Amino acid sequence: MNPYTLKMSLNLIDANTAITREDFESNFCKTAERITFTFNGWDGKSYSGESRNAYVYRTTIKGYENVRFVKVGKGLHYIDEDSSIIEKATGIAHKEAEWLIDVKRA
């Protein structure tokens, strides 16, 4: 998956850093699947691999149907299936989430 290609297929606003709530809702849907993941420090907190839990979102955009996404706050992130980070407190490896785009409020 090339996140840049996916990002460029969206209707970008705010200096190409965001999409509207309407675009988000038309291209992504929340599933019942949950995932435990880490931001691995780029969120300013999880430097030791501290994990979070979130519902998985999927997209209908062709070529990206199998990519897992999570929404945390205004940020939409994709799960990097090739990157697992060990949480130091538990010794458990979790997938890393990478920022894709922000979602504007309605």
PDB file of N, CA and C in Angstrom:
ATOM      1  N   MET A   1       0.839  -1.186   0.000  1.00  0.00           N
ATOM      2  CA  MET A   1       0.000   0.000   0.000  1.00  0.00           C
ATOM      3  C   MET A   1       0.878   1.241   0.000  1.00  0.00           C
ATOM      4  N   ASN A   2       0.587   2.143  -0.889  1.00  0.00           N
ATOM      5  CA  ASN A   2       1.292   3.409  -0.915  1.00  0.00           C
ATOM      6  C   ASN A   2       0.360   4.475  -0.338  1.00  0.00           C
ATOM      7  N   PRO A   3       0.606   4.930   0.894  1.00  0.00           N
ATOM      8  CA  PRO A   3      -0.295   5.898   1.517  1.00  0.00           C
ATOM      9  C   PRO A   3      -0.369   7.218   0.756  1.00  0.00           C
ATOM     10  N   TYR A   4       0.717   7.611   0.109  1.00  0.00           N
ATOM     11  CA  TYR A   4       0.699   8.865  -0.634  1.00  0.00           C
ATOM     12  C   TYR A   4      -0.290   8.771  -1.797  1.00  0.00           C
ATOM     13  N   THR A   5      -0.312   7.649  -2.497  1.00  0.00           N
ATOM     14  CA  THR A   5      -1.247   7.458  -3.609  1.00  0.00           C
ATOM     15  C   THR A   5      -2.688   7.489  -3.108  1.00  0.00           C
ATOM     16  N   LEU A   6      -2.943   6.824  -1.987  1.00  0.00           N
ATOM     17  CA  LEU A   6      -4.287   6.859  -1.410  1.00  0.00           C
ATOM     18  C   LEU A   6      -4.666   8.285  -1.040  1.00  0.00           C
ATOM     19  N   LYS A   7      -3.777   8.978  -0.378  1.00  0.00           N
ATOM     20  CA  LYS A   7      -4.048  10.354   0.049  1.00  0.00           C
ATOM     21  C   LYS A   7      -4.369  11.246  -1.155  1.00  0.00           C
ATOM     22  N   MET A   8      -3.625  11.086  -2.242  1.00  0.00           N
ATOM     23  CA  MET A   8      -3.844  11.916  -3.425  1.00  0.00           C
ATOM     24  C   MET A   8      -5.150  11.578  -4.153  1.00  0.00           C
ATOM     25  N   SER A   9      -5.748  10.428  -3.847  1.00  0.00           N
ATOM     26  CA  SER A   9      -7.024  10.079  -4.475  1.00  0.00           C
ATOM     27  C   SER A   9      -8.204  10.698  -3.732  1.00  0.00           C
ATOM     28  N   LEU A  10      -7.954  11.322  -2.589  1.00  0.00           N
ATOM     29  CA  LEU A  10      -9.007  11.955  -1.801  1.00  0.00           C
ATOM     30  C   LEU A  10      -9.145  13.425  -2.185  1.00  0.00           C
ATOM     31  N   ASN A  11     -10.272  14.031  -1.829  1.00  0.00           N
ATOM     32  CA  ASN A  11     -10.504  15.462  -2.071  1.00  0.00           C
ATOM     33  C   ASN A  11      -9.872  16.247  -0.921  1.00  0.00           C
ATOM     34  N   LEU A  12      -8.627  16.630  -1.085  1.00  0.00           N
ATOM     35  CA  LEU A  12      -7.857  17.258  -0.010  1.00  0.00           C
ATOM     36  C   LEU A  12      -8.162  18.742   0.144  1.00  0.00           C
ATOM     37  N   ILE A  13      -8.159  19.192   1.409  1.00  0.00           N
ATOM     38  CA  ILE A  13      -8.332  20.603   1.750  1.00  0.00           C
ATOM     39  C   ILE A  13      -7.267  20.968   2.777  1.00  0.00           C
ATOM     40  N   ASP A  14      -7.220  22.222   3.178  1.00  0.00           N
ATOM     41  CA  ASP A  14      -6.275  22.698   4.200  1.00  0.00           C
ATOM     42  C   ASP A  14      -4.842  22.289   3.887  1.00  0.00           C
ATOM     43  N   ALA A  15      -4.328  22.786   2.789  1.00  0.00           N
ATOM     44  CA  ALA A  15      -2.943  22.524   2.361  1.00  0.00           C
ATOM     45  C   ALA A  15      -2.667  21.023   2.234  1.00  0.00           C
ATOM     46  N   ASN A  16      -3.656  20.318   1.712  1.00  0.00           N
ATOM     47  CA  ASN A  16      -3.560  18.867   1.468  1.00  0.00           C
ATOM     48  C   ASN A  16      -3.341  18.044   2.732  1.00  0.00           C
ATOM     49  N   THR A  17      -3.872  18.510   3.868  1.00  0.00           N
ATOM     50  CA  THR A  17      -3.709  17.776   5.122  1.00  0.00           C
ATOM     51  C   THR A  17      -5.010  17.227   5.680  1.00  0.00           C
ATOM     52  N   ALA A  18      -6.143  17.506   5.028  1.00  0.00           N
ATOM     53  CA  ALA A  18      -7.429  17.116   5.604  1.00  0.00           C
ATOM     54  C   ALA A  18      -8.450  16.787   4.519  1.00  0.00           C
ATOM     55  N   ILE A  19      -9.505  16.106   4.955  1.00  0.00           N
ATOM     56  CA  ILE A  19     -10.680  15.869   4.117  1.00  0.00           C
ATOM     57  C   ILE A  19     -11.901  16.279   4.927  1.00  0.00           C
ATOM     58  N   THR A  20     -13.004  16.482   4.254  1.00  0.00           N
ATOM     59  CA  THR A  20     -14.232  16.847   4.954  1.00  0.00           C
ATOM     60  C   THR A  20     -14.833  15.625   5.631  1.00  0.00           C
ATOM     61  N   ARG A  21     -15.678  15.858   6.588  1.00  0.00           N
ATOM     62  CA  ARG A  21     -16.395  14.784   7.275  1.00  0.00           C
ATOM     63  C   ARG A  21     -17.217  13.983   6.267  1.00  0.00           C
ATOM     64  N   GLU A  22     -17.824  14.677   5.316  1.00  0.00           N
ATOM     65  CA  GLU A  22     -18.642  14.007   4.303  1.00  0.00           C
ATOM     66  C   GLU A  22     -17.807  13.053   3.448  1.00  0.00           C
ATOM     67  N   ASP A  23     -16.617  13.493   3.035  1.00  0.00           N
ATOM     68  CA  ASP A  23     -15.728  12.618   2.260  1.00  0.00           C
ATOM     69  C   ASP A  23     -15.283  11.418   3.087  1.00  0.00           C
ATOM     70  N   PHE A  24     -14.994  11.651   4.356  1.00  0.00           N
ATOM     71  CA  PHE A  24     -14.608  10.552   5.233  1.00  0.00           C
ATOM     72  C   PHE A  24     -15.730   9.522   5.313  1.00  0.00           C
ATOM     73  N   GLU A  25     -16.944   9.977   5.582  1.00  0.00           N
ATOM     74  CA  GLU A  25     -18.073   9.062   5.738  1.00  0.00           C
ATOM     75  C   GLU A  25     -18.443   8.346   4.448  1.00  0.00           C
ATOM     76  N   SER A  26     -18.162   8.956   3.305  1.00  0.00           N
ATOM     77  CA  SER A  26     -18.490   8.289   2.037  1.00  0.00           C
ATOM     78  C   SER A  26     -17.414   7.299   1.598  1.00  0.00           C
ATOM     79  N   ASN A  27     -16.193   7.434   2.106  1.00  0.00           N
ATOM     80  CA  ASN A  27     -15.089   6.563   1.693  1.00  0.00           C
ATOM     81  C   ASN A  27     -14.643   5.545   2.738  1.00  0.00           C
ATOM     82  N   PHE A  28     -15.018   5.739   4.009  1.00  0.00           N
ATOM     83  CA  PHE A  28     -14.563   4.868   5.083  1.00  0.00           C
ATOM     84  C   PHE A  28     -15.741   4.448   5.941  1.00  0.00           C
ATOM     85  N   CYS A  29     -15.711   3.203   6.414  1.00  0.00           N
ATOM     86  CA  CYS A  29     -16.777   2.755   7.311  1.00  0.00           C
ATOM     87  C   CYS A  29     -16.169   2.002   8.487  1.00  0.00           C
ATOM     88  N   LYS A  30     -16.774   2.234   9.645  1.00  0.00           N
ATOM     89  CA  LYS A  30     -16.332   1.599  10.881  1.00  0.00           C
ATOM     90  C   LYS A  30     -16.791   0.143  10.886  1.00  0.00           C
ATOM     91  N   THR A  31     -15.924  -0.752  11.344  1.00  0.00           N
ATOM     92  CA  THR A  31     -16.270  -2.167  11.435  1.00  0.00           C
ATOM     93  C   THR A  31     -16.374  -2.559  12.913  1.00  0.00           C
ATOM     94  N   ALA A  32     -16.776  -3.780  13.155  1.00  0.00           N
ATOM     95  CA  ALA A  32     -16.843  -4.300  14.522  1.00  0.00           C
ATOM     96  C   ALA A  32     -15.467  -4.786  14.992  1.00  0.00           C
ATOM     97  N   GLU A  33     -14.516  -4.855  14.061  1.00  0.00           N
ATOM     98  CA  GLU A  33     -13.166  -5.321  14.386  1.00  0.00           C
ATOM     99  C   GLU A  33     -12.432  -4.269  15.223  1.00  0.00           C
ATOM    100  N   ARG A  34     -11.702  -4.749  16.234  1.00  0.00           N
ATOM    101  CA  ARG A  34     -10.878  -3.858  17.057  1.00  0.00           C
ATOM    102  C   ARG A  34      -9.420  -4.250  16.896  1.00  0.00           C
ATOM    103  N   ILE A  35      -8.536  -3.287  17.109  1.00  0.00           N
ATOM    104  CA  ILE A  35      -7.105  -3.550  17.002  1.00  0.00           C
ATOM    105  C   ILE A  35      -6.383  -2.846  18.143  1.00  0.00           C
ATOM    106  N   THR A  36      -5.336  -3.487  18.628  1.00  0.00           N
ATOM    107  CA  THR A  36      -4.426  -2.875  19.578  1.00  0.00           C
ATOM    108  C   THR A  36      -3.191  -2.476  18.780  1.00  0.00           C
ATOM    109  N   PHE A  37      -2.796  -1.214  18.881  1.00  0.00           N
ATOM    110  CA  PHE A  37      -1.718  -0.666  18.061  1.00  0.00           C
ATOM    111  C   PHE A  37      -0.915   0.330  18.878  1.00  0.00           C
ATOM    112  N   THR A  38       0.172   0.819  18.311  1.00  0.00           N
ATOM    113  CA  THR A  38       0.978   1.849  18.955  1.00  0.00           C
ATOM    114  C   THR A  38       1.303   2.954  17.951  1.00  0.00           C
ATOM    115  N   PHE A  39       1.494   4.145  18.463  1.00  0.00           N
ATOM    116  CA  PHE A  39       1.991   5.245  17.639  1.00  0.00           C
ATOM    117  C   PHE A  39       3.517   5.310  17.703  1.00  0.00           C
ATOM    118  N   ASN A  40       4.121   4.544  18.594  1.00  0.00           N
ATOM    119  CA  ASN A  40       5.577   4.446  18.731  1.00  0.00           C
ATOM    120  C   ASN A  40       6.258   5.803  18.906  1.00  0.00           C
ATOM    121  N   GLY A  41       5.660   6.662  19.708  1.00  0.00           N
ATOM    122  CA  GLY A  41       6.306   7.909  20.086  1.00  0.00           C
ATOM    123  C   GLY A  41       5.929   9.130  19.294  1.00  0.00           C
ATOM    124  N   TRP A  42       5.460   8.988  18.061  1.00  0.00           N
ATOM    125  CA  TRP A  42       5.213  10.206  17.294  1.00  0.00           C
ATOM    126  C   TRP A  42       4.025  10.989  17.830  1.00  0.00           C
ATOM    127  N   ASP A  43       3.226  10.378  18.711  1.00  0.00           N
ATOM    128  CA  ASP A  43       2.127  11.102  19.343  1.00  0.00           C
ATOM    129  C   ASP A  43       2.602  11.905  20.555  1.00  0.00           C
ATOM    130  N   GLY A  44       3.915  11.841  20.846  1.00  0.00           N
ATOM    131  CA  GLY A  44       4.471  12.579  21.971  1.00  0.00           C
ATOM    132  C   GLY A  44       4.326  11.861  23.299  1.00  0.00           C
ATOM    133  N   LYS A  45       3.855  10.600  23.285  1.00  0.00           N
ATOM    134  CA  LYS A  45       3.644   9.869  24.533  1.00  0.00           C
ATOM    135  C   LYS A  45       4.157   8.441  24.505  1.00  0.00           C
ATOM    136  N   SER A  46       3.967   7.730  23.443  1.00  0.00           N
ATOM    137  CA  SER A  46       4.170   6.275  23.445  1.00  0.00           C
ATOM    138  C   SER A  46       5.587   5.866  23.048  1.00  0.00           C
ATOM    139  N   TYR A  47       6.583   6.499  23.668  1.00  0.00           N
ATOM    140  CA  TYR A  47       7.975   6.232  23.315  1.00  0.00           C
ATOM    141  C   TYR A  47       8.421   4.819  23.669  1.00  0.00           C
ATOM    142  N   SER A  48       7.720   4.162  24.579  1.00  0.00           N
ATOM    143  CA  SER A  48       8.052   2.794  24.959  1.00  0.00           C
ATOM    144  C   SER A  48       7.073   1.799  24.359  1.00  0.00           C
ATOM    145  N   GLY A  49       6.432   2.184  23.268  1.00  0.00           N
ATOM    146  CA  GLY A  49       5.521   1.292  22.564  1.00  0.00           C
ATOM    147  C   GLY A  49       4.155   1.154  23.204  1.00  0.00           C
ATOM    148  N   GLU A  50       3.800   2.068  24.121  1.00  0.00           N
ATOM    149  CA  GLU A  50       2.500   1.977  24.783  1.00  0.00           C
ATOM    150  C   GLU A  50       1.398   1.842  23.744  1.00  0.00           C
ATOM    151  N   SER A  51       0.464   0.946  24.040  1.00  0.00           N
ATOM    152  CA  SER A  51      -0.563   0.616  23.053  1.00  0.00           C
ATOM    153  C   SER A  51      -1.883   1.326  23.319  1.00  0.00           C
ATOM    154  N   ARG A  52      -2.695   1.337  22.284  1.00  0.00           N
ATOM    155  CA  ARG A  52      -4.049   1.876  22.325  1.00  0.00           C
ATOM    156  C   ARG A  52      -4.957   0.877  21.625  1.00  0.00           C
ATOM    157  N   ASN A  53      -6.250   1.005  21.865  1.00  0.00           N
ATOM    158  CA  ASN A  53      -7.243   0.172  21.201  1.00  0.00           C
ATOM    159  C   ASN A  53      -8.188   1.063  20.417  1.00  0.00           C
ATOM    160  N   ALA A  54      -8.627   0.576  19.261  1.00  0.00           N
ATOM    161  CA  ALA A  54      -9.571   1.348  18.455  1.00  0.00           C
ATOM    162  C   ALA A  54     -10.319   0.408  17.524  1.00  0.00           C
ATOM    163  N   TYR A  55     -11.439   0.892  17.044  1.00  0.00           N
ATOM    164  CA  TYR A  55     -12.168   0.165  16.007  1.00  0.00           C
ATOM    165  C   TYR A  55     -11.451   0.338  14.678  1.00  0.00           C
ATOM    166  N   VAL A  56     -11.520  -0.672  13.871  1.00  0.00           N
ATOM    167  CA  VAL A  56     -10.920  -0.638  12.543  1.00  0.00           C
ATOM    168  C   VAL A  56     -11.917  -0.041  11.566  1.00  0.00           C
ATOM    169  N   TYR A  57     -11.419   0.816  10.688  1.00  0.00           N
ATOM    170  CA  TYR A  57     -12.198   1.359   9.576  1.00  0.00           C
ATOM    171  C   TYR A  57     -11.679   0.714   8.295  1.00  0.00           C
ATOM    172  N   ARG A  58     -12.568   0.557   7.338  1.00  0.00           N
ATOM    173  CA  ARG A  58     -12.198   0.047   6.014  1.00  0.00           C
ATOM    174  C   ARG A  58     -12.639   1.067   4.977  1.00  0.00           C
ATOM    175  N   THR A  59     -12.045   0.986   3.802  1.00  0.00           N
ATOM    176  CA  THR A  59     -12.395   1.912   2.727  1.00  0.00           C
ATOM    177  C   THR A  59     -12.938   1.150   1.529  1.00  0.00           C
ATOM    178  N   THR A  60     -13.684   1.862   0.719  1.00  0.00           N
ATOM    179  CA  THR A  60     -14.200   1.299  -0.536  1.00  0.00           C
ATOM    180  C   THR A  60     -13.337   1.744  -1.715  1.00  0.00           C
ATOM    181  N   ILE A  61     -12.270   2.481  -1.445  1.00  0.00           N
ATOM    182  CA  ILE A  61     -11.392   2.956  -2.515  1.00  0.00           C
ATOM    183  C   ILE A  61     -10.650   1.762  -3.111  1.00  0.00           C
ATOM    184  N   LYS A  62     -10.765   1.622  -4.403  1.00  0.00           N
ATOM    185  CA  LYS A  62     -10.199   0.469  -5.106  1.00  0.00           C
ATOM    186  C   LYS A  62      -8.694   0.329  -4.841  1.00  0.00           C
ATOM    187  N   GLY A  63      -8.308  -0.894  -4.489  1.00  0.00           N
ATOM    188  CA  GLY A  63      -6.914  -1.191  -4.203  1.00  0.00           C
ATOM    189  C   GLY A  63      -6.544  -1.084  -2.738  1.00  0.00           C
ATOM    190  N   TYR A  64      -7.415  -0.508  -1.922  1.00  0.00           N
ATOM    191  CA  TYR A  64      -7.130  -0.306  -0.502  1.00  0.00           C
ATOM    192  C   TYR A  64      -8.153  -0.988   0.404  1.00  0.00           C
ATOM    193  N   GLU A  65      -8.953  -1.878  -0.161  1.00  0.00           N
ATOM    194  CA  GLU A  65     -10.026  -2.522   0.602  1.00  0.00           C
ATOM    195  C   GLU A  65      -9.511  -3.365   1.772  1.00  0.00           C
ATOM    196  N   ASN A  66      -8.295  -3.865   1.698  1.00  0.00           N
ATOM    197  CA  ASN A  66      -7.759  -4.716   2.763  1.00  0.00           C
ATOM    198  C   ASN A  66      -6.901  -3.965   3.774  1.00  0.00           C
ATOM    199  N   VAL A  67      -6.761  -2.673   3.609  1.00  0.00           N
ATOM    200  CA  VAL A  67      -5.967  -1.871   4.536  1.00  0.00           C
ATOM    201  C   VAL A  67      -6.813  -1.549   5.764  1.00  0.00           C
ATOM    202  N   ARG A  68      -6.184  -1.653   6.930  1.00  0.00           N
ATOM    203  CA  ARG A  68      -6.877  -1.297   8.168  1.00  0.00           C
ATOM    204  C   ARG A  68      -6.533   0.144   8.544  1.00  0.00           C
ATOM    205  N   PHE A  69      -7.551   0.878   8.936  1.00  0.00           N
ATOM    206  CA  PHE A  69      -7.411   2.272   9.368  1.00  0.00           C
ATOM    207  C   PHE A  69      -7.974   2.410  10.770  1.00  0.00           C
ATOM    208  N   VAL A  70      -7.478   3.385  11.527  1.00  0.00           N
ATOM    209  CA  VAL A  70      -8.051   3.744  12.819  1.00  0.00           C
ATOM    210  C   VAL A  70      -8.212   5.254  12.839  1.00  0.00           C
ATOM    211  N   LYS A  71      -9.236   5.708  13.545  1.00  0.00           N
ATOM    212  CA  LYS A  71      -9.452   7.143  13.696  1.00  0.00           C
ATOM    213  C   LYS A  71      -9.268   7.469  15.170  1.00  0.00           C
ATOM    214  N   VAL A  72      -8.322   8.362  15.443  1.00  0.00           N
ATOM    215  CA  VAL A  72      -8.047   8.806  16.803  1.00  0.00           C
ATOM    216  C   VAL A  72      -8.124  10.319  16.791  1.00  0.00           C
ATOM    217  N   GLY A  73      -9.091  10.855  17.522  1.00  0.00           N
ATOM    218  CA  GLY A  73      -9.319  12.296  17.471  1.00  0.00           C
ATOM    219  C   GLY A  73      -9.702  12.691  16.061  1.00  0.00           C
ATOM    220  N   LYS A  74      -9.049  13.709  15.528  1.00  0.00           N
ATOM    221  CA  LYS A  74      -9.347  14.132  14.157  1.00  0.00           C
ATOM    222  C   LYS A  74      -8.498  13.393  13.129  1.00  0.00           C
ATOM    223  N   GLY A  75      -7.520  12.609  13.584  1.00  0.00           N
ATOM    224  CA  GLY A  75      -6.595  11.956  12.670  1.00  0.00           C
ATOM    225  C   GLY A  75      -7.073  10.592  12.193  1.00  0.00           C
ATOM    226  N   LEU A  76      -6.913  10.359  10.899  1.00  0.00           N
ATOM    227  CA  LEU A  76      -7.145   9.045  10.316  1.00  0.00           C
ATOM    228  C   LEU A  76      -5.775   8.447  10.047  1.00  0.00           C
ATOM    229  N   HIS A  77      -5.531   7.255  10.572  1.00  0.00           N
ATOM    230  CA  HIS A  77      -4.235   6.600  10.501  1.00  0.00           C
ATOM    231  C   HIS A  77      -4.381   5.249   9.836  1.00  0.00           C
ATOM    232  N   TYR A  78      -3.344   4.805   9.143  1.00  0.00           N
ATOM    233  CA  TYR A  78      -3.358   3.461   8.573  1.00  0.00           C
ATOM    234  C   TYR A  78      -2.438   2.582   9.399  1.00  0.00           C
ATOM    235  N   ILE A  79      -2.773   1.306   9.452  1.00  0.00           N
ATOM    236  CA  ILE A  79      -1.960   0.345  10.182  1.00  0.00           C
ATOM    237  C   ILE A  79      -0.870  -0.164   9.258  1.00  0.00           C
ATOM    238  N   ASP A  80       0.374   0.006   9.680  1.00  0.00           N
ATOM    239  CA  ASP A  80       1.521  -0.481   8.914  1.00  0.00           C
ATOM    240  C   ASP A  80       1.712  -1.952   9.272  1.00  0.00           C
ATOM    241  N   GLU A  81       1.216  -2.823   8.419  1.00  0.00           N
ATOM    242  CA  GLU A  81       1.244  -4.259   8.690  1.00  0.00           C
ATOM    243  C   GLU A  81       2.665  -4.817   8.730  1.00  0.00           C
ATOM    244  N   ASP A  82       3.633  -4.073   8.198  1.00  0.00           N
ATOM    245  CA  ASP A  82       5.024  -4.526   8.178  1.00  0.00           C
ATOM    246  C   ASP A  82       5.834  -4.032   9.370  1.00  0.00           C
ATOM    247  N   SER A  83       5.209  -3.279  10.275  1.00  0.00           N
ATOM    248  CA  SER A  83       5.937  -2.705  11.395  1.00  0.00           C
ATOM    249  C   SER A  83       5.269  -3.075  12.715  1.00  0.00           C
ATOM    250  N   SER A  84       5.934  -3.913  13.501  1.00  0.00           N
ATOM    251  CA  SER A  84       5.456  -4.261  14.836  1.00  0.00           C
ATOM    252  C   SER A  84       6.438  -3.701  15.865  1.00  0.00           C
ATOM    253  N   ILE A  85       5.891  -3.126  16.920  1.00  0.00           N
ATOM    254  CA  ILE A  85       6.696  -2.506  17.964  1.00  0.00           C
ATOM    255  C   ILE A  85       6.396  -3.218  19.282  1.00  0.00           C
ATOM    256  N   ILE A  86       7.433  -3.545  20.031  1.00  0.00           N
ATOM    257  CA  ILE A  86       7.246  -4.217  21.315  1.00  0.00           C
ATOM    258  C   ILE A  86       6.947  -3.190  22.391  1.00  0.00           C
ATOM    259  N   GLU A  87       5.849  -3.404  23.093  1.00  0.00           N
ATOM    260  CA  GLU A  87       5.490  -2.556  24.224  1.00  0.00           C
ATOM    261  C   GLU A  87       6.367  -2.983  25.403  1.00  0.00           C
ATOM    262  N   LYS A  88       7.196  -2.073  25.886  1.00  0.00           N
ATOM    263  CA  LYS A  88       8.178  -2.429  26.914  1.00  0.00           C
ATOM    264  C   LYS A  88       7.541  -2.935  28.208  1.00  0.00           C
ATOM    265  N   ALA A  89       6.403  -2.394  28.582  1.00  0.00           N
ATOM    266  CA  ALA A  89       5.757  -2.795  29.840  1.00  0.00           C
ATOM    267  C   ALA A  89       5.225  -4.215  29.794  1.00  0.00           C
ATOM    268  N   THR A  90       4.797  -4.681  28.624  1.00  0.00           N
ATOM    269  CA  THR A  90       4.159  -6.002  28.528  1.00  0.00           C
ATOM    270  C   THR A  90       4.974  -7.013  27.730  1.00  0.00           C
ATOM    271  N   GLY A  91       5.875  -6.534  26.873  1.00  0.00           N
ATOM    272  CA  GLY A  91       6.634  -7.426  26.013  1.00  0.00           C
ATOM    273  C   GLY A  91       5.851  -7.917  24.814  1.00  0.00           C
ATOM    274  N   ILE A  92       4.668  -7.356  24.597  1.00  0.00           N
ATOM    275  CA  ILE A  92       3.811  -7.758  23.480  1.00  0.00           C
ATOM    276  C   ILE A  92       4.054  -6.831  22.295  1.00  0.00           C
ATOM    277  N   ALA A  93       4.141  -7.408  21.111  1.00  0.00           N
ATOM    278  CA  ALA A  93       4.340  -6.616  19.888  1.00  0.00           C
ATOM    279  C   ALA A  93       2.988  -6.176  19.330  1.00  0.00           C
ATOM    280  N   HIS A  94       2.908  -4.917  18.939  1.00  0.00           N
ATOM    281  CA  HIS A  94       1.701  -4.353  18.347  1.00  0.00           C
ATOM    282  C   HIS A  94       2.051  -3.693  17.022  1.00  0.00           C
ATOM    283  N   LYS A  95       1.099  -3.665  16.113  1.00  0.00           N
ATOM    284  CA  LYS A  95       1.283  -2.987  14.833  1.00  0.00           C
ATOM    285  C   LYS A  95       1.384  -1.488  15.073  1.00  0.00           C
ATOM    286  N   GLU A  96       2.106  -0.833  14.182  1.00  0.00           N
ATOM    287  CA  GLU A  96       2.288   0.616  14.291  1.00  0.00           C
ATOM    288  C   GLU A  96       1.284   1.337  13.407  1.00  0.00           C
ATOM    289  N   ALA A  97       0.722   2.423  13.931  1.00  0.00           N
ATOM    290  CA  ALA A  97      -0.201   3.263  13.174  1.00  0.00           C
ATOM    291  C   ALA A  97       0.551   4.479  12.652  1.00  0.00           C
ATOM    292  N   GLU A  98       0.290   4.831  11.400  1.00  0.00           N
ATOM    293  CA  GLU A  98       0.923   5.986  10.758  1.00  0.00           C
ATOM    294  C   GLU A  98      -0.160   6.973  10.331  1.00  0.00           C
ATOM    295  N   TRP A  99       0.094   8.263  10.525  1.00  0.00           N
ATOM    296  CA  TRP A  99      -0.879   9.291  10.163  1.00  0.00           C
ATOM    297  C   TRP A  99      -1.081   9.327   8.653  1.00  0.00           C
ATOM    298  N   LEU A 100      -2.342   9.469   8.248  1.00  0.00           N
ATOM    299  CA  LEU A 100      -2.675   9.595   6.830  1.00  0.00           C
ATOM    300  C   LEU A 100      -3.237  10.979   6.548  1.00  0.00           C
ATOM    301  N   ILE A 101      -4.284  11.365   7.273  1.00  0.00           N
ATOM    302  CA  ILE A 101      -4.996  12.610   6.961  1.00  0.00           C
ATOM    303  C   ILE A 101      -5.845  13.002   8.170  1.00  0.00           C
ATOM    304  N   ASP A 102      -6.155  14.278   8.291  1.00  0.00           N
ATOM    305  CA  ASP A 102      -7.104  14.731   9.310  1.00  0.00           C
ATOM    306  C   ASP A 102      -8.498  14.782   8.713  1.00  0.00           C
ATOM    307  N   VAL A 103      -9.485  14.623   9.572  1.00  0.00           N
ATOM    308  CA  VAL A 103     -10.881  14.700   9.167  1.00  0.00           C
ATOM    309  C   VAL A 103     -11.483  15.938   9.821  1.00  0.00           C
ATOM    310  N   LYS A 104     -11.988  16.840   9.006  1.00  0.00           N
ATOM    311  CA  LYS A 104     -12.590  18.069   9.519  1.00  0.00           C
ATOM    312  C   LYS A 104     -13.918  17.755  10.206  1.00  0.00           C
ATOM    313  N   ARG A 105     -14.260  18.562  11.149  1.00  0.00           N
ATOM    314  CA  ARG A 105     -15.569  18.410  11.805  1.00  0.00           C
ATOM    315  C   ARG A 105     -16.683  18.818  10.865  1.00  0.00           C
ATOM    316  N   ALA A 106     -17.854  18.279  11.107  1.00  0.00           N
ATOM    317  CA  ALA A 106     -19.008  18.555  10.233  1.00  0.00           C
ATOM    318  C   ALA A 106     -19.423  20.011  10.295  1.00  0.00           C
TER     319      ALA A 106
END
